[in-house]
Protein backbone atom coordinates (compact mmCIF):
# COMPACT_ATOMS: atom_id res chain seq x y z
CA MET A 1 20.00 -176.44 203.48
CA ASN A 2 23.45 -177.59 204.54
CA GLY A 3 26.55 -175.43 204.46
CA LYS A 4 27.69 -176.54 201.00
CA MET A 5 24.27 -175.86 199.50
CA GLU A 6 24.14 -172.40 201.12
CA LEU A 7 27.55 -171.54 199.67
CA PHE A 8 26.48 -172.85 196.24
CA VAL A 9 23.33 -170.69 196.24
CA ALA A 10 25.30 -167.67 197.46
CA LEU A 11 27.84 -168.01 194.63
CA ARG A 12 25.03 -168.45 192.09
CA TYR A 13 23.34 -165.30 193.37
CA LEU A 14 26.57 -163.35 192.96
CA ARG A 15 26.35 -163.82 189.20
CA GLY A 16 23.12 -161.89 188.77
CA LYS A 17 20.84 -162.23 185.75
CA ARG A 18 23.29 -160.70 183.34
CA LYS A 19 26.48 -162.67 183.66
CA ILE A 20 29.73 -160.81 183.16
CA GLY A 21 32.48 -163.32 183.89
CA PHE A 22 32.16 -164.53 187.47
CA VAL A 23 30.30 -161.74 189.20
CA SER A 24 28.19 -158.69 188.35
CA TRP A 25 29.74 -155.26 187.93
CA ILE A 26 28.56 -153.98 191.28
CA THR A 27 30.14 -156.97 193.00
CA TYR A 28 33.37 -156.29 191.11
CA ILE A 29 33.30 -152.69 192.35
CA SER A 30 32.70 -153.81 195.94
CA ALA A 31 35.56 -156.32 195.82
CA ALA A 32 37.82 -153.73 194.15
CA GLY A 33 37.09 -151.24 196.95
CA VAL A 34 38.00 -153.76 199.62
CA CYS A 35 41.10 -154.76 197.64
CA LEU A 36 42.22 -151.13 197.20
CA GLY A 37 41.64 -150.28 200.84
CA SER A 38 43.58 -153.32 202.07
CA PHE A 39 46.40 -152.73 199.58
CA VAL A 40 46.85 -149.04 200.42
CA LEU A 41 46.55 -149.64 204.17
CA VAL A 42 49.26 -152.33 204.17
CA LEU A 43 51.58 -150.04 202.19
CA ALA A 44 50.86 -146.97 204.33
CA LEU A 45 51.51 -148.78 207.61
CA SER A 46 54.63 -150.42 206.13
CA ILE A 47 55.96 -146.98 205.16
CA ALA A 48 55.17 -145.65 208.65
CA ASN A 49 56.98 -148.66 210.15
CA GLY A 50 59.94 -148.06 207.83
CA PHE A 51 60.33 -144.41 208.78
CA GLU A 52 59.92 -145.27 212.47
CA LYS A 53 62.67 -147.88 212.16
CA GLU A 54 64.99 -145.41 210.39
CA VAL A 55 64.38 -142.77 213.07
CA ARG A 56 64.82 -145.32 215.84
CA ASP A 57 68.08 -146.62 214.39
CA ARG A 58 69.46 -143.09 214.14
CA ILE A 59 68.38 -142.15 217.65
CA VAL A 60 69.80 -145.35 219.15
CA GLY A 61 72.96 -144.89 217.09
CA THR A 62 73.45 -141.42 218.53
CA LEU A 63 72.14 -141.90 222.06
CA ALA A 64 72.96 -144.72 224.44
CA HIS A 65 70.24 -147.19 225.38
CA VAL A 66 70.25 -146.07 229.02
CA LYS A 67 71.84 -143.29 231.06
CA VAL A 68 72.66 -143.81 234.73
CA SER A 69 73.07 -140.76 236.98
CA ARG A 70 72.39 -139.71 240.58
CA TYR A 71 69.67 -137.63 242.19
CA HIS A 72 70.68 -134.22 243.56
CA ILE A 73 74.31 -134.65 242.49
CA TYR A 74 75.56 -133.09 239.30
CA GLN A 75 78.75 -135.11 239.05
CA MET A 76 80.16 -138.52 239.96
CA ASN A 77 83.77 -138.75 241.08
CA ASP A 78 83.89 -142.52 241.40
CA TYR A 79 82.81 -143.14 237.81
CA GLU A 80 85.57 -145.63 236.94
CA SER A 81 84.57 -148.07 239.67
CA LEU A 82 80.89 -147.47 238.91
CA ARG A 83 81.50 -148.26 235.24
CA GLU A 84 83.18 -151.55 236.15
CA THR A 85 80.28 -152.43 238.45
CA ILE A 86 77.69 -151.72 235.74
CA LEU A 87 79.60 -153.87 233.25
CA GLY A 88 79.11 -156.76 235.66
CA HIS A 89 75.37 -156.73 234.93
CA PRO A 90 74.54 -159.65 232.59
CA GLU A 91 72.40 -157.52 230.23
CA VAL A 92 74.95 -154.70 229.79
CA ILE A 93 77.37 -154.98 226.87
CA GLY A 94 78.96 -151.53 227.02
CA ALA A 95 79.39 -148.63 229.46
CA ALA A 96 81.04 -145.24 229.10
CA PRO A 97 81.16 -142.04 231.20
CA TYR A 98 79.64 -138.86 229.82
CA ILE A 99 79.17 -135.16 230.48
CA THR A 100 76.56 -132.92 228.85
CA GLY A 101 76.18 -129.18 229.01
CA LYS A 102 74.70 -126.28 227.12
CA GLY A 103 76.95 -123.72 225.55
CA GLY A 104 77.78 -121.87 222.41
CA LEU A 105 80.11 -122.26 219.44
CA GLU A 106 81.75 -119.31 217.69
CA TYR A 107 83.39 -119.32 214.27
CA GLN A 108 84.43 -116.19 212.38
CA GLN A 109 82.23 -113.96 214.56
CA PHE A 110 79.18 -116.20 214.09
CA GLN A 111 77.67 -117.87 217.16
CA GLU A 112 75.36 -120.83 217.54
CA GLY A 113 73.95 -122.57 220.61
CA VAL A 114 75.10 -126.16 221.02
CA VAL A 115 74.83 -129.15 223.33
CA ILE A 116 78.29 -130.12 224.52
CA ASN A 117 78.90 -133.85 224.89
CA GLY A 118 82.02 -134.86 226.75
CA VAL A 119 82.83 -138.52 226.08
CA ASP A 120 85.68 -140.96 226.48
CA PRO A 121 86.90 -141.83 222.96
CA GLN A 122 88.08 -145.21 224.18
CA TYR A 123 84.71 -146.36 225.52
CA GLU A 124 82.23 -144.30 223.46
CA PRO A 125 82.19 -146.75 220.49
CA THR A 126 80.87 -149.43 222.86
CA VAL A 127 77.66 -147.50 223.60
CA THR A 128 76.91 -145.35 220.52
CA ASP A 129 77.60 -145.42 216.79
CA ILE A 130 78.75 -141.82 216.46
CA HIS A 131 82.14 -143.09 215.26
CA LYS A 132 80.36 -144.70 212.29
CA SER A 133 78.61 -141.44 211.33
CA ILE A 134 81.72 -139.47 210.34
CA VAL A 135 81.30 -138.06 206.82
CA MET A 136 84.28 -135.67 206.83
CA GLY A 137 87.56 -135.97 208.70
CA LYS A 138 87.90 -138.70 211.30
CA PHE A 139 86.69 -139.80 214.73
CA ASP A 140 89.42 -138.14 216.76
CA MET A 141 88.96 -136.53 220.17
CA SER A 142 92.61 -136.11 221.09
CA ASP A 143 93.75 -133.48 223.55
CA THR A 144 96.08 -132.07 220.89
CA ILE A 145 95.51 -131.91 217.13
CA THR A 146 96.96 -129.60 214.50
CA SER A 147 94.64 -126.95 213.00
CA ASN A 148 94.82 -125.39 209.55
CA ARG A 149 96.80 -122.59 211.16
CA GLY A 150 99.39 -125.03 212.49
CA ARG A 151 98.41 -124.72 216.15
CA GLN A 152 98.07 -127.61 218.59
CA LEU A 153 94.59 -127.59 220.19
CA PRO A 154 92.01 -130.05 221.56
CA SER A 155 89.72 -131.61 218.94
CA VAL A 156 85.95 -131.41 218.51
CA LEU A 157 83.40 -133.26 216.36
CA ILE A 158 80.47 -131.26 214.98
CA GLY A 159 77.30 -132.22 213.11
CA LYS A 160 76.80 -131.74 209.40
CA GLY A 161 73.89 -129.36 209.96
CA LEU A 162 76.09 -127.08 212.06
CA SER A 163 78.98 -127.47 209.62
CA ASP A 164 76.85 -126.44 206.65
CA LYS A 165 75.13 -123.60 208.50
CA MET A 166 78.36 -121.99 209.66
CA THR A 167 80.54 -123.24 206.74
CA ILE A 168 82.92 -125.00 209.12
CA ARG A 169 85.24 -127.60 207.64
CA GLU A 170 87.81 -130.06 208.92
CA GLY A 171 90.83 -128.39 210.49
CA ALA A 172 89.03 -125.11 211.28
CA GLU A 173 89.48 -123.50 214.70
CA VAL A 174 86.32 -122.81 216.71
CA VAL A 175 85.66 -121.38 220.15
CA ILE A 176 83.33 -123.22 222.54
CA TYR A 177 82.08 -121.41 225.63
CA CYS A 178 79.70 -122.25 228.46
CA LEU A 179 78.95 -121.60 232.11
CA PRO A 180 81.02 -123.95 234.27
CA ALA A 181 79.15 -126.24 236.66
CA ASP A 182 80.64 -124.89 239.86
CA GLU A 183 78.10 -125.14 242.66
CA GLY A 184 80.22 -123.12 245.08
CA GLN A 185 79.99 -119.83 243.17
CA GLU A 186 76.96 -117.58 243.15
CA GLU A 187 78.03 -115.73 240.04
CA LEU A 188 79.58 -117.70 237.23
CA THR A 189 81.61 -116.25 234.40
CA PRO A 190 81.56 -117.98 231.02
CA LYS A 191 84.55 -120.18 230.35
CA MET A 192 85.77 -120.76 226.84
CA GLY A 193 88.25 -122.84 224.96
CA ARG A 194 89.61 -123.04 221.43
CA PHE A 195 89.20 -126.34 219.55
CA VAL A 196 90.04 -127.83 216.17
CA VAL A 197 87.35 -129.54 214.11
CA ALA A 198 88.63 -133.09 213.66
CA GLY A 199 85.56 -134.45 211.92
CA VAL A 200 81.97 -133.87 210.86
CA PHE A 201 79.28 -136.46 211.63
CA GLU A 202 75.85 -136.99 210.10
CA THR A 203 73.29 -138.98 212.10
CA GLY A 204 70.33 -138.24 209.81
CA MET A 205 68.49 -136.51 212.68
CA TYR A 206 68.43 -132.79 211.88
CA GLU A 207 68.25 -131.63 215.51
CA TYR A 208 71.26 -133.71 216.48
CA ASP A 209 73.35 -132.70 213.47
CA LEU A 210 72.61 -129.03 214.13
CA ASN A 211 73.10 -128.91 217.89
CA PHE A 212 75.44 -131.68 219.08
CA VAL A 213 79.21 -131.31 219.45
CA TYR A 214 81.55 -133.91 220.92
CA ILE A 215 84.75 -133.24 222.83
CA SER A 216 86.93 -135.45 224.99
CA LEU A 217 85.99 -136.10 228.59
CA ALA A 218 89.10 -134.25 229.80
CA SER A 219 88.25 -131.19 227.69
CA ALA A 220 84.67 -131.16 228.99
CA GLN A 221 85.85 -131.46 232.59
CA ASN A 222 88.20 -128.54 232.06
CA LEU A 223 85.54 -126.45 230.32
CA LEU A 224 82.91 -127.13 233.00
CA ASN A 225 85.26 -127.12 236.03
CA MET A 226 84.37 -130.71 236.88
CA ASN A 227 86.48 -133.45 238.42
CA GLY A 228 83.97 -136.22 237.77
CA VAL A 229 81.30 -136.96 235.19
CA GLU A 230 77.55 -136.51 234.91
CA GLY A 231 76.82 -140.24 234.64
CA ILE A 232 77.38 -143.50 232.84
CA GLN A 233 75.69 -144.34 229.54
CA ILE A 234 75.22 -148.01 228.72
CA ARG A 235 74.30 -150.27 225.82
CA THR A 236 72.00 -153.19 226.61
CA THR A 237 71.48 -156.58 225.03
CA ASP A 238 67.98 -155.57 223.82
CA LEU A 239 67.17 -151.97 222.97
CA PHE A 240 63.41 -152.66 223.06
CA LYS A 241 63.72 -153.74 226.70
CA ALA A 242 66.04 -150.89 227.62
CA ASP A 243 63.56 -149.46 230.13
CA LYS A 244 63.25 -152.75 232.02
CA ILE A 245 66.98 -153.42 231.83
CA GLY A 246 67.63 -149.89 233.09
CA GLU A 247 65.47 -150.52 236.15
CA SER A 248 67.30 -153.81 236.65
CA VAL A 249 70.65 -152.00 236.52
CA LYS A 250 69.36 -149.47 239.05
CA ALA A 251 68.38 -152.28 241.40
CA TYR A 252 71.74 -153.93 240.74
CA LEU A 253 73.44 -150.73 241.96
CA GLY A 254 71.31 -150.65 245.10
CA GLY A 255 68.53 -148.31 243.96
CA TYR A 256 68.49 -144.76 245.37
CA PRO A 257 70.29 -142.39 244.81
CA TYR A 258 70.79 -143.77 241.30
CA ARG A 259 68.31 -143.03 238.56
CA VAL A 260 68.04 -144.26 234.96
CA LEU A 261 66.72 -142.75 231.74
CA ASP A 262 66.24 -144.92 228.64
CA TRP A 263 66.27 -143.78 225.00
CA GLN A 264 62.50 -144.12 224.59
CA SER A 265 61.81 -141.86 227.56
CA GLN A 266 64.19 -139.25 226.15
CA ASN A 267 62.14 -139.22 222.91
CA ARG A 268 58.71 -140.04 224.33
CA SER A 269 56.84 -137.28 222.48
CA LEU A 270 58.33 -138.28 219.12
CA PHE A 271 57.34 -141.94 219.41
CA GLN A 272 53.90 -141.12 220.81
CA TRP A 273 53.34 -138.91 217.79
CA MET A 274 54.38 -141.77 215.51
CA LYS A 275 51.89 -144.11 217.20
CA LEU A 276 49.15 -141.50 216.82
CA GLU A 277 50.10 -141.08 213.16
CA ARG A 278 49.75 -144.83 212.59
CA LEU A 279 46.32 -144.82 214.22
CA ILE A 280 45.17 -141.90 212.05
CA ILE A 281 46.45 -143.67 208.92
CA PHE A 282 44.58 -146.84 209.86
CA VAL A 283 41.30 -145.02 210.57
CA VAL A 284 41.37 -142.75 207.51
CA ILE A 285 42.33 -145.38 204.95
CA SER A 286 39.89 -147.86 206.47
CA LEU A 287 37.17 -145.50 205.26
CA ILE A 288 37.91 -146.80 201.75
CA MET A 289 36.78 -150.23 202.91
CA VAL A 290 33.75 -148.69 204.65
CA VAL A 291 32.72 -147.14 201.31
CA ALA A 292 33.15 -150.57 199.71
CA ALA A 293 30.94 -151.98 202.48
CA PHE A 294 28.18 -149.59 201.46
CA ASN A 295 28.52 -150.97 197.94
CA ILE A 296 28.05 -154.45 199.39
CA ILE A 297 24.90 -153.30 201.18
CA SER A 298 23.46 -151.77 198.03
CA SER A 299 24.35 -154.79 195.91
CA LEU A 300 22.72 -157.17 198.40
CA ILE A 301 19.57 -155.07 198.58
CA MET A 302 19.36 -155.06 194.77
CA MET A 303 20.00 -158.80 194.77
CA ILE A 304 17.20 -159.39 197.27
CA LEU A 305 14.79 -157.40 195.13
CA GLU A 306 15.92 -159.35 192.07
CA LYS A 307 15.74 -162.75 193.78
CA ARG A 308 12.58 -162.13 195.79
CA ARG A 309 10.66 -164.89 193.99
CA GLU A 310 13.55 -167.38 194.30
CA ILE A 311 13.80 -166.64 198.02
CA GLY A 312 10.10 -167.36 198.42
CA ILE A 313 10.43 -170.64 196.52
CA LEU A 314 13.43 -171.71 198.65
CA MET A 315 11.56 -170.97 201.86
CA SER A 316 8.42 -172.74 200.63
CA MET A 317 10.60 -175.81 199.90
CA GLY A 318 11.76 -175.89 203.50
CA ALA A 319 14.67 -173.46 203.68
CA THR A 320 14.71 -171.82 207.09
CA ALA A 321 15.08 -168.10 207.75
CA GLY A 322 18.52 -168.85 209.19
CA ALA A 323 19.58 -170.56 205.96
CA VAL A 324 18.45 -167.55 203.88
CA LEU A 325 20.26 -165.26 206.32
CA ARG A 326 23.48 -167.24 205.89
CA VAL A 327 23.14 -167.30 202.08
CA PHE A 328 23.18 -163.50 201.84
CA MET A 329 25.82 -163.14 204.53
CA LEU A 330 28.01 -165.49 202.51
CA ASN A 331 27.64 -163.12 199.53
CA GLY A 332 29.30 -160.27 201.41
CA ILE A 333 31.81 -162.57 203.11
CA VAL A 334 32.95 -163.98 199.74
CA VAL A 335 33.38 -160.45 198.35
CA GLY A 336 35.36 -159.40 201.43
CA PHE A 337 37.46 -162.56 201.36
CA PHE A 338 38.56 -162.19 197.75
CA GLY A 339 39.04 -158.41 197.97
CA SER A 340 41.01 -158.46 201.24
CA THR A 341 43.08 -161.50 200.26
CA ILE A 342 44.17 -159.98 196.96
CA GLY A 343 44.75 -156.50 198.45
CA VAL A 344 46.69 -157.68 201.49
CA THR A 345 48.78 -160.10 199.41
CA LEU A 346 49.72 -157.45 196.83
CA GLY A 347 50.47 -154.85 199.50
CA ALA A 348 52.63 -157.21 201.55
CA ALA A 349 54.45 -158.45 198.43
CA LEU A 350 55.27 -154.91 197.25
CA GLY A 351 56.33 -153.93 200.77
CA LEU A 352 58.65 -156.92 201.12
CA LEU A 353 60.18 -156.28 197.70
CA GLN A 354 60.83 -152.63 198.56
CA GLU A 355 62.17 -153.61 201.99
CA LYS A 356 64.70 -155.94 200.37
CA TRP A 357 65.61 -154.23 197.08
CA ARG A 358 64.89 -150.50 197.83
CA PHE A 359 63.93 -149.73 194.22
CA ILE A 360 61.57 -146.77 194.94
CA PRO A 361 63.66 -143.59 195.31
CA ILE A 362 62.72 -140.47 197.29
CA PRO A 363 64.48 -137.05 197.34
CA GLY A 364 67.50 -137.43 199.60
CA GLU A 365 67.77 -133.67 200.12
CA LEU A 366 64.29 -133.59 201.69
CA TYR A 367 64.49 -136.80 203.70
CA PHE A 368 67.31 -138.47 205.58
CA VAL A 369 67.16 -141.52 203.28
CA ASN A 370 67.39 -141.84 199.50
CA THR A 371 64.91 -144.70 199.09
CA LEU A 372 61.44 -145.22 200.49
CA PRO A 373 61.82 -147.15 203.76
CA MET A 374 59.35 -149.97 204.37
CA GLU A 375 58.97 -152.59 207.06
CA VAL A 376 56.12 -155.08 206.68
CA SER A 377 54.67 -156.15 210.01
CA LEU A 378 52.85 -159.48 210.14
CA LEU A 379 50.74 -158.10 212.98
CA ASP A 380 49.63 -155.14 210.85
CA VAL A 381 48.85 -157.41 207.90
CA GLY A 382 46.80 -159.72 210.13
CA VAL A 383 44.86 -156.85 211.72
CA ILE A 384 44.11 -155.30 208.31
CA TYR A 385 42.94 -158.65 206.91
CA ILE A 386 40.66 -159.32 209.88
CA ALA A 387 39.32 -155.73 209.90
CA ALA A 388 38.50 -155.85 206.17
CA ASN A 389 36.58 -159.11 206.54
CA LEU A 390 34.76 -157.89 209.65
CA ILE A 391 33.67 -154.71 207.85
CA CYS A 392 32.35 -156.76 204.92
CA TRP A 393 30.58 -159.19 207.26
CA ALA A 394 28.98 -156.32 209.20
CA ALA A 395 27.71 -154.84 205.92
CA THR A 396 25.71 -158.01 205.23
CA ILE A 397 23.76 -158.05 208.49
CA TYR A 398 20.94 -155.65 207.58
CA PRO A 399 20.27 -156.93 204.01
CA ALA A 400 20.54 -160.58 205.11
CA ARG A 401 18.07 -160.07 207.96
CA ALA A 402 15.71 -158.30 205.57
CA ALA A 403 15.87 -161.28 203.19
CA ALA A 404 15.31 -163.76 206.01
CA SER A 405 12.21 -161.87 207.17
CA LEU A 406 10.42 -162.20 203.80
CA LEU A 407 7.22 -164.27 203.83
CA PRO A 408 7.25 -167.04 201.19
CA ALA A 409 3.62 -166.61 200.07
CA GLU A 410 3.93 -162.83 199.63
CA SER A 411 7.24 -163.14 197.78
CA ILE A 412 5.78 -165.58 195.24
CA ARG A 413 2.44 -163.77 194.93
CA TYR A 414 3.95 -160.35 194.14
CA GLU A 415 6.16 -161.87 191.51
């Protein structure tokens, strides 16, 4: 038999003796299982991609793409010239000095541990989007600002999580204290300063909104007894190549003693967990298609028992064992093709509609977004489609080989 004849026989066999539309009920169930598995898997991976994108956008909006610092040296005194040098790199579009330190914040006798970020308000908007995250007050890190009590003090920006936890609002006076970075002293006494809350930011990342505070570079230098800065944070032309660009910047600066740290390395455990989550989703939901594959096996075995006489007649008329093998393989392949095509198409269509229109809401108080985030990946869709068809093809191997091994004379005689 040629290929067209084998496909014709395979489609005829799919009908069964009792015709119900195009295929028998068990074939419908098999195709529906493949369709459901493909549909759910496309949606699940699209949702995982959407949440990963939202988290990534918030991390990159809060943290710079790359941080440049020096080994064994806590501060850089020549940071202005270093910043200008880094800006000369063709893949750097923004650079700003920074200082970080651990300390505490006190308000009305309540204390909370915080991460102090000293930044230059002039250059910070070129490397992060913290200025776009202000939900109360304004992006102001002046050395003098008027508090609710009418006093002139340096300003500070705090996260919404910290603001809500300690009931701090715009214009309130807070005390920030920390251990100064003075390498020449064996015993350090905490240094503190009074600040005015100029604004409250919300990045969508709970840990950042609860722990981060931003003050001016001059205030941080005064609080930490520093004349220089900790390093230079930069924004690159491609955030997904930040690690490679960071190494290029390091080489551009002459290598050692400079070191670089990109945003992915700073959040390595989080993104590794997301990749593991995607793998678990793929494996678990693929079991739906494996169950459908068992249905294909059972339906083919029943079909072989039903068509035993016809198989014997075909083989006695000259059909080879390979032709019979291909006929029954085509049965499972057709079921997998229609099921996976419909499931993947519906899943991708719904994902694209949600990605564009955002019509499925989720509780904003539980998540950092108000609508279900989705991002359809063509690679994921392709892998799911291929995997579904491979599973269905693999399910046909045993029944098809059993059919091909039947002896024509015995098949006709027993019938």
